[in-house]
Amino acid sequence: MEVIKIRGTEDTPNVLLDAQKGIIEFSGRSLPEDVMSFYAPVLRWIEEYIESPNSHSEVIFRLDYFNTASSKMILDILIYFEHLSKEGHEVLVKWSYQKDDEDMADAGEEYFEIVNVPYEMHSY
């Protein structure tokens, strides 16, 4: 699979999708005007990836902010990797947030109450 790198803007996150290394990474801010058009190719790539995943998948969220529409996309992404984990594949989700950003820390905790996937919380 092709490595996909999407350079973030003020309203869209940086995205790295690297099947060979098993790294899926989102960083920056996610509040695209049309969330579906931004995330649709990412979700298609993930759907293809989980058909033949790397032996270890690491999903990294290092977001400073995301809007409500993006929160649904994040949940969808986490659900894909929950299924992959339940199938016996090694998956680790890393949720990183600024140490003084309680809202982002709480958001991560809420996701991991909904989705059963191995995860780590990191502040920076």
Protein backbone atom coordinates (compact mmCIF):
# COMPACT_ATOMS: atom_id res chain seq x y z
CA MET A 1 0.00 0.00 0.00
CA GLU A 2 1.07 3.51 -0.72
CA VAL A 3 2.16 5.76 2.15
CA ILE A 4 -0.19 8.69 2.43
CA LYS A 5 0.93 11.98 3.98
CA ILE A 6 -1.55 14.79 4.24
CA ARG A 7 -0.11 18.13 5.29
CA GLY A 8 -2.36 19.79 7.82
CA THR A 9 -3.83 23.24 7.59
CA GLU A 10 -5.31 25.52 10.21
CA ASP A 11 -8.51 23.44 9.96
CA THR A 12 -7.29 19.95 9.03
CA PRO A 13 -4.86 17.61 10.75
CA ASN A 14 -1.56 16.24 9.53
CA VAL A 15 -2.17 12.62 8.61
CA LEU A 16 0.37 9.83 8.11
CA LEU A 17 -0.80 6.43 6.87
CA ASP A 18 2.09 3.99 6.56
CA ALA A 19 1.07 0.35 6.13
CA GLN A 20 4.63 -0.98 5.98
CA LYS A 21 5.45 0.47 9.40
CA GLY A 22 1.91 -0.01 10.73
CA ILE A 23 1.63 3.66 11.71
CA ILE A 24 -1.53 5.70 11.47
CA GLU A 25 -1.05 9.20 12.87
CA PHE A 26 -3.17 12.33 13.25
CA SER A 27 -1.82 15.60 14.65
CA GLY A 28 -2.82 19.23 14.82
CA ARG A 29 -6.38 20.50 14.58
CA SER A 30 -9.37 18.75 13.01
CA LEU A 31 -12.27 20.98 12.10
CA PRO A 32 -12.62 20.58 8.35
CA GLU A 33 -15.53 22.38 6.72
CA ASP A 34 -16.58 19.13 5.00
CA VAL A 35 -15.51 16.37 7.37
CA MET A 36 -16.66 13.56 5.07
CA SER A 37 -14.65 14.70 2.07
CA PHE A 38 -11.55 15.06 4.23
CA TYR A 39 -11.84 11.75 6.09
CA ALA A 40 -13.35 9.56 3.32
CA PRO A 41 -9.96 8.72 1.70
CA VAL A 42 -8.47 8.09 5.16
CA LEU A 43 -11.26 5.67 6.04
CA ARG A 44 -10.92 3.91 2.65
CA TRP A 45 -7.17 3.49 3.27
CA ILE A 46 -7.85 2.07 6.76
CA GLU A 47 -10.47 -0.34 5.38
CA GLU A 48 -7.90 -1.60 2.88
CA TYR A 49 -5.17 -1.72 5.53
CA ILE A 50 -7.14 -3.88 7.95
CA GLU A 51 -7.63 -6.49 5.22
CA SER A 52 -3.86 -7.13 5.34
CA PRO A 53 -2.44 -5.32 8.37
CA ASN A 54 1.12 -5.01 9.60
CA SER A 55 1.99 -7.35 12.49
CA HIS A 56 1.81 -4.33 14.83
CA SER A 57 -0.43 -1.32 14.27
CA GLU A 58 0.12 1.91 16.14
CA VAL A 59 -2.57 4.57 15.93
CA ILE A 60 -1.40 7.94 17.22
CA PHE A 61 -3.66 10.90 18.00
CA ARG A 62 -1.82 14.10 18.87
CA LEU A 63 -4.63 16.56 18.33
CA ASP A 64 -4.83 20.04 19.82
CA TYR A 65 -8.50 20.40 18.98
CA PHE A 66 -11.28 18.62 17.09
CA ASN A 67 -14.89 19.53 16.41
CA THR A 68 -17.99 17.40 16.88
CA ALA A 69 -18.02 16.13 13.30
CA SER A 70 -14.37 15.07 13.61
CA SER A 71 -15.12 13.28 16.88
CA LYS A 72 -17.38 10.86 14.96
CA MET A 73 -14.59 10.18 12.46
CA ILE A 74 -12.14 9.53 15.32
CA LEU A 75 -14.61 7.08 16.84
CA ASP A 76 -15.04 5.31 13.49
CA ILE A 77 -11.26 4.98 13.17
CA LEU A 78 -10.97 3.57 16.68
CA ILE A 79 -13.75 1.06 15.97
CA TYR A 80 -11.83 -0.26 12.94
CA PHE A 81 -8.82 -0.91 15.15
CA GLU A 82 -10.97 -2.38 17.91
CA HIS A 83 -12.14 -5.00 15.41
CA LEU A 84 -8.56 -5.60 14.29
CA SER A 85 -7.49 -6.09 17.90
CA LYS A 86 -10.38 -8.49 18.57
CA GLU A 87 -9.20 -10.55 15.59
CA GLY A 88 -5.92 -11.09 17.43
CA HIS A 89 -3.77 -8.45 15.75
CA GLU A 90 -1.42 -6.35 17.85
CA VAL A 91 -2.83 -2.83 18.10
CA LEU A 92 -1.84 0.10 20.30
CA VAL A 93 -3.57 3.48 20.29
CA LYS A 94 -1.56 6.39 21.68
CA TRP A 95 -3.61 9.40 22.76
CA SER A 96 -1.32 12.40 23.31
CA TYR A 97 -2.44 15.74 24.67
CA GLN A 98 -0.89 18.90 26.08
CA LYS A 99 -0.41 18.44 29.81
CA ASP A 100 -2.65 21.37 30.70
CA ASP A 101 -5.44 20.36 28.28
CA GLU A 102 -7.93 18.55 30.50
CA ASP A 103 -10.60 18.54 27.78
CA MET A 104 -8.40 16.58 25.39
CA ALA A 105 -7.37 14.16 28.16
CA ASP A 106 -11.05 13.65 29.05
CA ALA A 107 -11.92 13.10 25.39
CA GLY A 108 -9.34 10.31 25.17
CA GLU A 109 -10.67 8.68 28.34
CA GLU A 110 -14.21 8.84 26.98
CA TYR A 111 -13.20 7.15 23.73
CA PHE A 112 -11.52 4.33 25.61
CA GLU A 113 -14.64 3.79 27.71
CA ILE A 114 -16.53 3.21 24.44
CA VAL A 115 -13.92 1.33 22.40
CA ASN A 116 -12.10 -1.68 23.78
CA VAL A 117 -8.61 -1.36 22.32
CA PRO A 118 -5.17 -1.31 23.98
CA TYR A 119 -4.17 2.30 24.56
CA GLU A 120 -1.74 4.63 26.27
CA MET A 121 -2.39 8.20 27.37
CA HIS A 122 0.56 10.61 27.09
CA SER A 123 0.87 14.26 27.99
CA TYR A 124 3.53 16.51 26.53
